Amino acid sequence: RIAVLSDNIHGMQELTRYALQAGHTGIAFIHGERTAVTEDRLIGFHRACAEIGLRVPENRILEGAFHDPDTCYRLTAQLLKEPDCPSCIFFPDDYSYIGGMNAILEAGLKIPEDISVIGYDGIHLSQMLSPKLTTWKQDTAALGAAAGTRLIHLIEHPKTAIPDRTVISGSLLEGGSVRKLSDR
């Protein structure tokens, strides 16, 4: 088997470190369905929290769904009703964040003044919003090129192709959706 994957562990670690460095310890993470992608992102999230000794309560780690703004709307509204509302919410992907954004705005809150938000994927739409979403941009061009190269090699050399896993990193897009708590 040959696999070409985005480095979800590293990406989520970097996003979590970014939020923690901005002073956010009251964080919540709405993740996607239980898949290998979600498991890797949870590992990255927990590793970054462990680096500073932060233990996020289990009721702040919620299972949502990838590419599902309606579910993120509902889960975000639920988080906003908590007496100790999180200061920063992570979303499973940039598209799902739109539902969370709507819940936040309907609650009369402002991003990032009242609550900070973080996405994942780095889709073009996330950078068209106001404020621009802080997110992890997956390197889709590198992912596609590596997958194409691996596939060609597998087709041309089926008896000698070695099963492997290629992991492609991405980059942090620092939008305006995370407030430094020291600015309050």
N, C-alpha and C. Protein backbone atom coordinates (compact mmCIF):
# COMPACT_ATOMS: atom_id res chain seq x y z
N ARG A 1 0.83 -1.20 0.00
CA ARG A 1 0.00 0.00 0.00
C ARG A 1 0.87 1.24 0.00
N ILE A 2 0.43 2.19 -0.76
CA ILE A 2 1.12 3.47 -0.81
C ILE A 2 0.13 4.54 -0.36
N ALA A 3 0.57 5.40 0.53
CA ALA A 3 -0.30 6.47 1.04
C ALA A 3 0.44 7.80 1.00
N VAL A 4 -0.26 8.84 0.59
CA VAL A 4 0.25 10.20 0.63
C VAL A 4 -0.72 10.98 1.50
N LEU A 5 -0.21 11.50 2.60
CA LEU A 5 -1.06 12.12 3.61
C LEU A 5 -0.54 13.49 4.03
N SER A 6 -1.46 14.33 4.46
CA SER A 6 -1.09 15.60 5.07
C SER A 6 -0.61 15.30 6.49
N ASP A 7 0.36 16.06 6.97
CA ASP A 7 0.89 15.86 8.32
C ASP A 7 -0.05 16.49 9.34
N ASN A 8 -1.13 15.80 9.64
CA ASN A 8 -2.15 16.31 10.54
C ASN A 8 -1.68 16.45 11.98
N ILE A 9 -0.76 15.60 12.40
CA ILE A 9 -0.23 15.71 13.77
C ILE A 9 0.51 17.03 13.93
N HIS A 10 1.46 17.27 13.04
CA HIS A 10 2.27 18.50 13.11
C HIS A 10 1.39 19.74 12.93
N GLY A 11 0.47 19.70 11.98
CA GLY A 11 -0.39 20.85 11.73
C GLY A 11 -1.20 21.23 12.95
N MET A 12 -1.81 20.24 13.59
CA MET A 12 -2.63 20.54 14.77
C MET A 12 -1.76 20.95 15.95
N GLN A 13 -0.57 20.37 16.05
CA GLN A 13 0.35 20.80 17.11
C GLN A 13 0.69 22.28 16.95
N GLU A 14 0.99 22.71 15.73
CA GLU A 14 1.36 24.10 15.49
C GLU A 14 0.19 25.04 15.76
N LEU A 15 -1.00 24.66 15.34
CA LEU A 15 -2.18 25.49 15.61
C LEU A 15 -2.44 25.61 17.11
N THR A 16 -2.31 24.50 17.81
CA THR A 16 -2.55 24.50 19.26
C THR A 16 -1.50 25.34 19.97
N ARG A 17 -0.25 25.20 19.58
CA ARG A 17 0.81 26.03 20.17
C ARG A 17 0.52 27.51 19.94
N TYR A 18 0.04 27.83 18.76
CA TYR A 18 -0.29 29.22 18.42
C TYR A 18 -1.34 29.77 19.40
N ALA A 19 -2.39 29.00 19.63
CA ALA A 19 -3.44 29.43 20.56
C ALA A 19 -2.91 29.54 21.98
N LEU A 20 -2.11 28.57 22.38
CA LEU A 20 -1.56 28.58 23.74
C LEU A 20 -0.61 29.76 23.94
N GLN A 21 0.20 30.06 22.94
CA GLN A 21 1.12 31.20 23.04
C GLN A 21 0.38 32.53 23.09
N ALA A 22 -0.84 32.55 22.56
CA ALA A 22 -1.67 33.75 22.64
C ALA A 22 -2.37 33.85 23.99
N GLY A 23 -2.15 32.86 24.86
CA GLY A 23 -2.71 32.89 26.21
C GLY A 23 -3.99 32.10 26.41
N HIS A 24 -4.42 31.37 25.39
CA HIS A 24 -5.67 30.61 25.50
C HIS A 24 -5.43 29.26 26.17
N THR A 25 -6.03 29.11 27.35
CA THR A 25 -6.00 27.80 28.03
C THR A 25 -7.42 27.26 28.16
N GLY A 26 -8.41 28.12 28.02
CA GLY A 26 -9.81 27.70 28.01
C GLY A 26 -10.20 27.41 26.56
N ILE A 27 -9.75 26.27 26.08
CA ILE A 27 -9.97 25.95 24.67
C ILE A 27 -10.92 24.77 24.51
N ALA A 28 -11.57 24.74 23.36
CA ALA A 28 -12.46 23.63 23.00
C ALA A 28 -12.06 23.18 21.60
N PHE A 29 -12.26 21.90 21.33
CA PHE A 29 -11.90 21.33 20.03
C PHE A 29 -13.09 20.53 19.51
N ILE A 30 -13.69 21.03 18.45
CA ILE A 30 -14.72 20.27 17.73
C ILE A 30 -13.99 19.57 16.60
N HIS A 31 -13.95 18.25 16.66
CA HIS A 31 -13.20 17.51 15.64
C HIS A 31 -14.16 16.79 14.71
N GLY A 32 -13.62 16.21 13.66
CA GLY A 32 -14.43 15.46 12.71
C GLY A 32 -14.74 14.07 13.22
N GLU A 33 -15.39 13.28 12.35
CA GLU A 33 -15.71 11.90 12.70
C GLU A 33 -14.43 11.14 13.03
N ARG A 34 -14.58 10.02 13.73
CA ARG A 34 -13.42 9.21 14.14
C ARG A 34 -12.82 8.52 12.92
N THR A 35 -11.80 9.17 12.36
CA THR A 35 -11.05 8.64 11.22
C THR A 35 -9.58 8.75 11.56
N ALA A 36 -8.72 8.24 10.70
CA ALA A 36 -7.28 8.37 10.91
C ALA A 36 -6.87 9.84 10.94
N VAL A 37 -7.50 10.67 10.12
CA VAL A 37 -7.21 12.11 10.11
C VAL A 37 -7.53 12.70 11.47
N THR A 38 -8.72 12.40 11.99
CA THR A 38 -9.12 12.92 13.30
C THR A 38 -8.19 12.43 14.39
N GLU A 39 -7.85 11.15 14.37
CA GLU A 39 -6.96 10.61 15.40
C GLU A 39 -5.61 11.32 15.38
N ASP A 40 -5.07 11.58 14.20
CA ASP A 40 -3.79 12.30 14.10
C ASP A 40 -3.92 13.72 14.64
N ARG A 41 -5.02 14.37 14.31
CA ARG A 41 -5.21 15.75 14.79
C ARG A 41 -5.38 15.78 16.31
N LEU A 42 -6.07 14.80 16.86
CA LEU A 42 -6.21 14.72 18.32
C LEU A 42 -4.85 14.50 18.98
N ILE A 43 -4.01 13.67 18.37
CA ILE A 43 -2.67 13.44 18.91
C ILE A 43 -1.90 14.76 18.94
N GLY A 44 -1.92 15.50 17.83
CA GLY A 44 -1.21 16.77 17.77
C GLY A 44 -1.74 17.76 18.80
N PHE A 45 -3.05 17.82 18.95
CA PHE A 45 -3.68 18.71 19.92
C PHE A 45 -3.23 18.36 21.34
N HIS A 46 -3.34 17.09 21.70
CA HIS A 46 -2.98 16.67 23.06
C HIS A 46 -1.48 16.82 23.32
N ARG A 47 -0.65 16.57 22.32
CA ARG A 47 0.79 16.75 22.51
C ARG A 47 1.14 18.20 22.83
N ALA A 48 0.55 19.13 22.07
CA ALA A 48 0.84 20.54 22.33
C ALA A 48 0.35 20.97 23.70
N CYS A 49 -0.82 20.49 24.09
CA CYS A 49 -1.34 20.82 25.43
C CYS A 49 -0.44 20.22 26.51
N ALA A 50 0.02 18.99 26.30
CA ALA A 50 0.89 18.33 27.28
C ALA A 50 2.21 19.06 27.45
N GLU A 51 2.69 19.71 26.41
CA GLU A 51 3.96 20.44 26.49
C GLU A 51 3.94 21.50 27.58
N ILE A 52 2.76 22.06 27.86
CA ILE A 52 2.66 23.09 28.90
C ILE A 52 1.89 22.58 30.12
N GLY A 53 1.56 21.30 30.13
CA GLY A 53 0.85 20.72 31.26
C GLY A 53 -0.63 21.04 31.30
N LEU A 54 -1.20 21.41 30.16
CA LEU A 54 -2.63 21.73 30.11
C LEU A 54 -3.43 20.47 29.84
N ARG A 55 -4.42 20.25 30.67
CA ARG A 55 -5.35 19.13 30.46
C ARG A 55 -6.71 19.72 30.11
N VAL A 56 -7.13 19.46 28.89
CA VAL A 56 -8.41 19.99 28.42
C VAL A 56 -9.51 19.00 28.86
N PRO A 57 -10.54 19.50 29.56
CA PRO A 57 -11.62 18.62 30.00
C PRO A 57 -12.29 17.91 28.81
N GLU A 58 -12.69 16.68 29.03
CA GLU A 58 -13.29 15.87 27.97
C GLU A 58 -14.55 16.52 27.39
N ASN A 59 -15.29 17.29 28.19
CA ASN A 59 -16.50 17.92 27.67
C ASN A 59 -16.19 19.11 26.75
N ARG A 60 -14.92 19.43 26.60
CA ARG A 60 -14.48 20.48 25.68
C ARG A 60 -13.93 19.89 24.38
N ILE A 61 -13.93 18.57 24.27
CA ILE A 61 -13.48 17.90 23.06
C ILE A 61 -14.71 17.18 22.50
N LEU A 62 -15.28 17.77 21.45
CA LEU A 62 -16.57 17.31 20.94
C LEU A 62 -16.43 16.72 19.54
N GLU A 63 -17.15 15.62 19.31
CA GLU A 63 -17.15 15.02 17.99
C GLU A 63 -18.18 15.71 17.11
N GLY A 64 -17.69 16.29 16.04
CA GLY A 64 -18.55 16.90 15.05
C GLY A 64 -18.48 16.09 13.78
N ALA A 65 -18.37 16.78 12.67
CA ALA A 65 -18.26 16.12 11.38
C ALA A 65 -17.50 17.03 10.43
N PHE A 66 -16.71 16.44 9.56
CA PHE A 66 -16.01 17.23 8.55
C PHE A 66 -17.01 17.79 7.55
N HIS A 67 -16.76 19.00 7.11
CA HIS A 67 -17.56 19.65 6.06
C HIS A 67 -19.04 19.71 6.42
N ASP A 68 -19.32 20.01 7.69
CA ASP A 68 -20.70 20.04 8.16
C ASP A 68 -20.94 21.29 9.02
N PRO A 69 -21.24 22.42 8.40
CA PRO A 69 -21.49 23.65 9.16
C PRO A 69 -22.66 23.54 10.13
N ASP A 70 -23.68 22.75 9.80
CA ASP A 70 -24.85 22.64 10.68
C ASP A 70 -24.48 22.02 12.02
N THR A 71 -23.68 20.95 11.99
CA THR A 71 -23.25 20.32 13.23
C THR A 71 -22.36 21.27 14.03
N CYS A 72 -21.47 21.97 13.36
CA CYS A 72 -20.59 22.92 14.07
C CYS A 72 -21.38 24.09 14.65
N TYR A 73 -22.43 24.49 13.96
CA TYR A 73 -23.31 25.53 14.50
C TYR A 73 -23.89 25.06 15.84
N ARG A 74 -24.46 23.87 15.84
CA ARG A 74 -25.11 23.32 17.03
C ARG A 74 -24.11 23.15 18.19
N LEU A 75 -22.93 22.58 17.89
CA LEU A 75 -21.93 22.34 18.94
C LEU A 75 -21.34 23.65 19.46
N THR A 76 -21.15 24.62 18.58
CA THR A 76 -20.65 25.92 19.02
C THR A 76 -21.67 26.60 19.92
N ALA A 77 -22.94 26.57 19.53
CA ALA A 77 -23.99 27.17 20.36
C ALA A 77 -24.02 26.52 21.74
N GLN A 78 -23.81 25.22 21.78
CA GLN A 78 -23.75 24.48 23.05
C GLN A 78 -22.58 24.97 23.90
N LEU A 79 -21.41 25.13 23.30
CA LEU A 79 -20.23 25.60 24.04
C LEU A 79 -20.43 27.02 24.56
N LEU A 80 -21.09 27.86 23.78
CA LEU A 80 -21.28 29.25 24.17
C LEU A 80 -22.24 29.39 25.35
N LYS A 81 -23.06 28.38 25.60
CA LYS A 81 -24.02 28.41 26.72
C LYS A 81 -23.39 27.96 28.03
N GLU A 82 -22.18 27.41 27.96
CA GLU A 82 -21.52 26.94 29.19
C GLU A 82 -21.19 28.13 30.08
N PRO A 83 -21.29 27.96 31.40
CA PRO A 83 -20.96 29.05 32.32
C PRO A 83 -19.51 29.54 32.14
N ASP A 84 -18.61 28.61 31.87
CA ASP A 84 -17.21 28.94 31.66
C ASP A 84 -16.89 28.72 30.18
N CYS A 85 -17.43 29.60 29.36
CA CYS A 85 -17.30 29.49 27.91
C CYS A 85 -15.82 29.49 27.49
N PRO A 86 -15.43 28.65 26.53
CA PRO A 86 -14.03 28.66 26.09
C PRO A 86 -13.65 29.99 25.46
N SER A 87 -12.38 30.33 25.55
CA SER A 87 -11.89 31.56 24.92
C SER A 87 -11.49 31.32 23.47
N CYS A 88 -11.30 30.05 23.11
CA CYS A 88 -10.88 29.71 21.74
C CYS A 88 -11.48 28.36 21.35
N ILE A 89 -12.06 28.31 20.15
CA ILE A 89 -12.65 27.07 19.65
C ILE A 89 -11.94 26.65 18.36
N PHE A 90 -11.52 25.39 18.32
CA PHE A 90 -10.94 24.79 17.12
C PHE A 90 -12.06 24.09 16.36
N PHE A 91 -12.04 24.20 15.05
CA PHE A 91 -13.06 23.57 14.21
C PHE A 91 -12.43 22.49 13.34
N PRO A 92 -13.23 21.48 12.91
CA PRO A 92 -12.66 20.36 12.16
C PRO A 92 -12.08 20.77 10.81
N ASP A 93 -12.64 21.82 10.22
CA ASP A 93 -12.13 22.31 8.93
C ASP A 93 -12.70 23.71 8.71
N ASP A 94 -12.14 24.40 7.74
CA ASP A 94 -12.54 25.78 7.48
C ASP A 94 -14.00 25.89 7.06
N TYR A 95 -14.46 24.95 6.27
CA TYR A 95 -15.84 25.00 5.79
C TYR A 95 -16.82 24.82 6.96
N SER A 96 -16.55 23.87 7.85
CA SER A 96 -17.41 23.65 9.02
C SER A 96 -17.44 24.87 9.94
N TYR A 97 -16.33 25.60 9.95
CA TYR A 97 -16.24 26.79 10.79
C TYR A 97 -17.36 27.79 10.49
N ILE A 98 -17.84 27.82 9.26
CA ILE A 98 -18.88 28.77 8.89
C ILE A 98 -20.10 28.61 9.80
N GLY A 99 -20.45 27.38 10.12
CA GLY A 99 -21.55 27.15 11.06
C GLY A 99 -21.23 27.69 12.44
N GLY A 100 -20.01 27.45 12.91
CA GLY A 100 -19.59 27.97 14.20
C GLY A 100 -19.59 29.49 14.22
N MET A 101 -19.11 30.09 13.14
CA MET A 101 -19.09 31.55 13.02
C MET A 101 -20.51 32.10 13.14
N ASN A 102 -21.46 31.47 12.47
CA ASN A 102 -22.84 31.94 12.54
C ASN A 102 -23.40 31.85 13.96
N ALA A 103 -23.08 30.77 14.68
CA ALA A 103 -23.53 30.63 16.07
C ALA A 103 -22.94 31.73 16.95
N ILE A 104 -21.68 32.01 16.73
CA ILE A 104 -21.00 33.06 17.51
C ILE A 104 -21.63 34.42 17.24
N LEU A 105 -21.82 34.74 15.98
CA LEU A 105 -22.41 36.03 15.62
C LEU A 105 -23.85 36.16 16.11
N GLU A 106 -24.63 35.07 16.00
CA GLU A 106 -26.02 35.11 16.48
C GLU A 106 -26.10 35.26 18.00
N ALA A 107 -25.04 34.84 18.71
CA ALA A 107 -24.99 35.01 20.17
C ALA A 107 -24.58 36.44 20.54
N GLY A 108 -24.33 37.27 19.53
CA GLY A 108 -23.95 38.66 19.78
C GLY A 108 -22.48 38.83 20.12
N LEU A 109 -21.67 37.83 19.81
CA LEU A 109 -20.24 37.88 20.12
C LEU A 109 -19.44 38.26 18.88
N LYS A 110 -18.26 38.82 19.11
CA LYS A 110 -17.39 39.21 18.00
C LYS A 110 -16.14 38.34 18.00
N ILE A 111 -15.67 38.07 16.78
CA ILE A 111 -14.43 37.30 16.57
C ILE A 111 -13.36 38.30 16.17
N PRO A 112 -12.24 38.39 16.81
CA PRO A 112 -11.74 37.63 17.95
C PRO A 112 -11.93 38.34 19.28
N GLU A 113 -12.59 39.49 19.27
CA GLU A 113 -12.71 40.29 20.50
C GLU A 113 -13.28 39.50 21.66
N ASP A 114 -14.35 38.73 21.40
CA ASP A 114 -15.01 37.98 22.46
C ASP A 114 -14.61 36.51 22.49
N ILE A 115 -14.33 35.95 21.33
CA ILE A 115 -13.96 34.54 21.24
C ILE A 115 -13.06 34.35 20.03
N SER A 116 -12.02 33.56 20.22
CA SER A 116 -11.08 33.26 19.15
C SER A 116 -11.47 31.94 18.49
N VAL A 117 -11.12 31.80 17.21
CA VAL A 117 -11.47 30.60 16.46
C VAL A 117 -10.30 30.19 15.57
N ILE A 118 -10.21 28.88 15.34
CA ILE A 118 -9.15 28.31 14.52
C ILE A 118 -9.75 27.23 13.62
N GLY A 119 -9.37 27.24 12.36
CA GLY A 119 -9.85 26.24 11.41
C GLY A 119 -8.76 25.26 11.03
N TYR A 120 -8.98 24.57 9.92
CA TYR A 120 -7.98 23.63 9.40
C TYR A 120 -8.28 23.41 7.93
N ASP A 121 -7.31 23.46 7.11
CA ASP A 121 -7.32 23.18 5.67
C ASP A 121 -6.73 24.32 4.86
N GLY A 122 -7.05 25.56 5.25
CA GLY A 122 -6.52 26.70 4.50
C GLY A 122 -7.22 26.92 3.17
N ILE A 123 -8.52 26.64 3.11
CA ILE A 123 -9.23 26.86 1.85
C ILE A 123 -9.30 28.36 1.55
N HIS A 124 -9.42 28.68 0.29
CA HIS A 124 -9.43 30.07 -0.16
C HIS A 124 -10.52 30.88 0.55
N LEU A 125 -11.69 30.30 0.72
CA LEU A 125 -12.80 30.99 1.36
C LEU A 125 -12.43 31.49 2.76
N SER A 126 -11.62 30.72 3.49
CA SER A 126 -11.26 31.10 4.86
C SER A 126 -10.49 32.42 4.91
N GLN A 127 -9.85 32.77 3.81
CA GLN A 127 -9.07 34.00 3.77
C GLN A 127 -9.88 35.16 3.18
N MET A 128 -11.14 34.88 2.79
CA MET A 128 -12.03 35.91 2.26
C MET A 128 -12.96 36.44 3.36
N LEU A 129 -13.01 35.73 4.48
CA LEU A 129 -13.87 36.12 5.59
C LEU A 129 -13.24 37.29 6.34
N SER A 130 -14.05 37.95 7.15
CA SER A 130 -13.53 39.03 7.98
C SER A 130 -13.92 38.75 9.43
N PRO A 131 -12.95 38.53 10.31
CA PRO A 131 -11.51 38.51 10.01
C PRO A 131 -11.12 37.22 9.28
N LYS A 132 -9.95 37.27 8.64
CA LYS A 132 -9.42 36.06 8.01
C LYS A 132 -9.24 35.00 9.08
N LEU A 133 -9.53 33.77 8.72
CA LEU A 133 -9.45 32.66 9.66
C LEU A 133 -8.01 32.21 9.86
N THR A 134 -7.61 32.07 11.11
CA THR A 134 -6.33 31.43 11.42
C THR A 134 -6.52 29.95 11.19
N THR A 135 -5.68 29.35 10.36
CA THR A 135 -5.89 27.97 9.94
C THR A 135 -4.58 27.33 9.52
N TRP A 136 -4.63 26.05 9.27
CA TRP A 136 -3.47 25.32 8.76
C TRP A 136 -3.72 25.04 7.29
N LYS A 137 -2.85 25.58 6.44
CA LYS A 137 -2.99 25.39 5.00
C LYS A 137 -2.30 24.09 4.59
N GLN A 138 -3.11 23.15 4.13
CA GLN A 138 -2.55 21.92 3.62
C GLN A 138 -1.94 22.21 2.24
N ASP A 139 -0.81 21.59 1.96
CA ASP A 139 -0.13 21.80 0.68
C ASP A 139 -0.72 20.84 -0.34
N THR A 140 -1.87 21.22 -0.89
CA THR A 140 -2.57 20.32 -1.81
C THR A 140 -1.79 20.07 -3.09
N ALA A 141 -1.01 21.05 -3.53
CA ALA A 141 -0.21 20.86 -4.74
C ALA A 141 0.85 19.78 -4.50
N ALA A 142 1.52 19.85 -3.36
CA ALA A 142 2.54 18.84 -3.04
C ALA A 142 1.91 17.47 -2.81
N LEU A 143 0.73 17.47 -2.19
CA LEU A 143 0.03 16.19 -1.98
C LEU A 143 -0.32 15.54 -3.32
N GLY A 144 -0.84 16.32 -4.23
CA GLY A 144 -1.21 15.80 -5.54
C GLY A 144 0.00 15.33 -6.33
N ALA A 145 1.08 16.12 -6.29
CA ALA A 145 2.30 15.75 -7.03
C ALA A 145 2.89 14.46 -6.48
N ALA A 146 2.95 14.35 -5.15
CA ALA A 146 3.51 13.14 -4.55
C ALA A 146 2.64 11.92 -4.85
N ALA A 147 1.32 12.10 -4.81
CA ALA A 147 0.42 10.98 -5.12
C ALA A 147 0.58 10.55 -6.57
N GLY A 148 0.70 11.52 -7.46
CA GLY A 148 0.89 11.21 -8.88
C GLY A 148 2.19 10.47 -9.13
N THR A 149 3.26 10.93 -8.51
CA THR A 149 4.56 10.27 -8.66
C THR A 149 4.52 8.84 -8.14
N ARG A 150 3.90 8.65 -6.97
CA ARG A 150 3.80 7.32 -6.38
C ARG A 150 2.96 6.39 -7.26
N LEU A 151 1.86 6.92 -7.78
CA LEU A 151 0.98 6.12 -8.62
C LEU A 151 1.67 5.69 -9.92
N ILE A 152 2.37 6.62 -10.53
CA ILE A 152 3.10 6.30 -11.76
C ILE A 152 4.14 5.21 -11.48
N HIS A 153 4.85 5.34 -10.38
CA HIS A 153 5.87 4.34 -10.03
C HIS A 153 5.21 2.97 -9.80
N LEU A 154 4.07 2.97 -9.12
CA LEU A 154 3.36 1.72 -8.87
C LEU A 154 2.89 1.07 -10.18
N ILE A 155 2.40 1.87 -11.10
CA ILE A 155 1.93 1.35 -12.39
C ILE A 155 3.11 0.82 -13.22
N GLU A 156 4.19 1.58 -13.24
CA GLU A 156 5.34 1.20 -14.07
C GLU A 156 6.17 0.07 -13.46
N HIS A 157 6.14 -0.06 -12.15
CA HIS A 157 6.96 -1.06 -11.46
C HIS A 157 6.15 -1.80 -10.40
N PRO A 158 5.08 -2.48 -10.80
CA PRO A 158 4.20 -3.10 -9.80
C PRO A 158 4.87 -4.17 -8.95
N LYS A 159 5.89 -4.82 -9.47
CA LYS A 159 6.53 -5.90 -8.71
C LYS A 159 7.63 -5.41 -7.79
N THR A 160 8.07 -4.17 -7.97
CA THR A 160 9.17 -3.67 -7.14
C THR A 160 8.77 -2.47 -6.27
N ALA A 161 7.55 -1.98 -6.44
CA ALA A 161 7.12 -0.83 -5.64
C ALA A 161 7.03 -1.23 -4.17
N ILE A 162 7.64 -0.43 -3.34
CA ILE A 162 7.65 -0.71 -1.90
C ILE A 162 6.52 0.07 -1.23
N PRO A 163 5.70 -0.61 -0.45
CA PRO A 163 4.64 0.11 0.27
C PRO A 163 5.26 1.15 1.20
N ASP A 164 4.77 2.34 1.14
CA ASP A 164 5.27 3.37 2.03
C ASP A 164 4.21 4.43 2.27
N ARG A 165 4.56 5.32 3.15
CA ARG A 165 3.66 6.40 3.54
C ARG A 165 4.43 7.70 3.41
N THR A 166 3.94 8.60 2.60
CA THR A 166 4.57 9.90 2.43
C THR A 166 3.71 10.92 3.17
N VAL A 167 4.35 11.72 4.01
CA VAL A 167 3.64 12.73 4.78
C VAL A 167 4.10 14.10 4.32
N ILE A 168 3.14 14.94 3.95
CA ILE A 168 3.42 16.28 3.43
C ILE A 168 2.99 17.31 4.47
N SER A 169 3.88 18.23 4.79
CA SER A 169 3.56 19.26 5.77
C SER A 169 2.78 20.39 5.11
N GLY A 170 2.36 21.32 5.89
CA GLY A 170 1.64 22.49 5.42
C GLY A 170 2.21 23.72 6.09
N SER A 171 1.39 24.75 6.25
CA SER A 171 1.88 25.97 6.88
C SER A 171 0.75 26.69 7.62
N LEU A 172 1.13 27.40 8.64
CA LEU A 172 0.18 28.17 9.44
C LEU A 172 -0.20 29.44 8.69
N LEU A 173 -1.49 29.68 8.53
CA LEU A 173 -1.97 30.95 8.00
C LEU A 173 -2.48 31.75 9.19
N GLU A 174 -1.75 32.78 9.53
CA GLU A 174 -2.11 33.59 10.69
C GLU A 174 -3.13 34.64 10.25
N GLY A 175 -4.39 34.32 10.46
CA GLY A 175 -5.45 35.27 10.12
C GLY A 175 -5.64 36.23 11.27
N GLY A 176 -6.81 36.78 11.37
CA GLY A 176 -7.09 37.72 12.45
C GLY A 176 -8.11 37.16 13.43
N SER A 177 -8.26 35.84 13.49
CA SER A 177 -9.33 35.25 14.30
C SER A 177 -8.89 34.78 15.68
N VAL A 178 -7.62 35.01 16.04
CA VAL A 178 -7.13 34.63 17.37
C VAL A 178 -6.61 35.89 18.06
N ARG A 179 -7.23 36.22 19.16
CA ARG A 179 -6.82 37.38 19.94
C ARG A 179 -5.79 36.99 20.98
N LYS A 180 -4.78 37.82 21.14
CA LYS A 180 -3.83 37.62 22.23
C LYS A 180 -4.52 38.10 23.50
N LEU A 181 -4.61 37.21 24.47
CA LEU A 181 -5.36 37.55 25.69
C LEU A 181 -4.71 38.69 26.45
N SER A 182 -3.43 38.91 26.26
CA SER A 182 -2.76 40.03 26.92
C SER A 182 -3.25 41.36 26.37
N ASP A 183 -3.98 41.33 25.21
CA ASP A 183 -4.52 42.56 24.61
C ASP A 183 -5.81 43.01 25.29
N ARG A 184 -6.36 42.17 26.13
CA ARG A 184 -7.65 42.52 26.75
C ARG A 184 -7.50 43.60 27.78
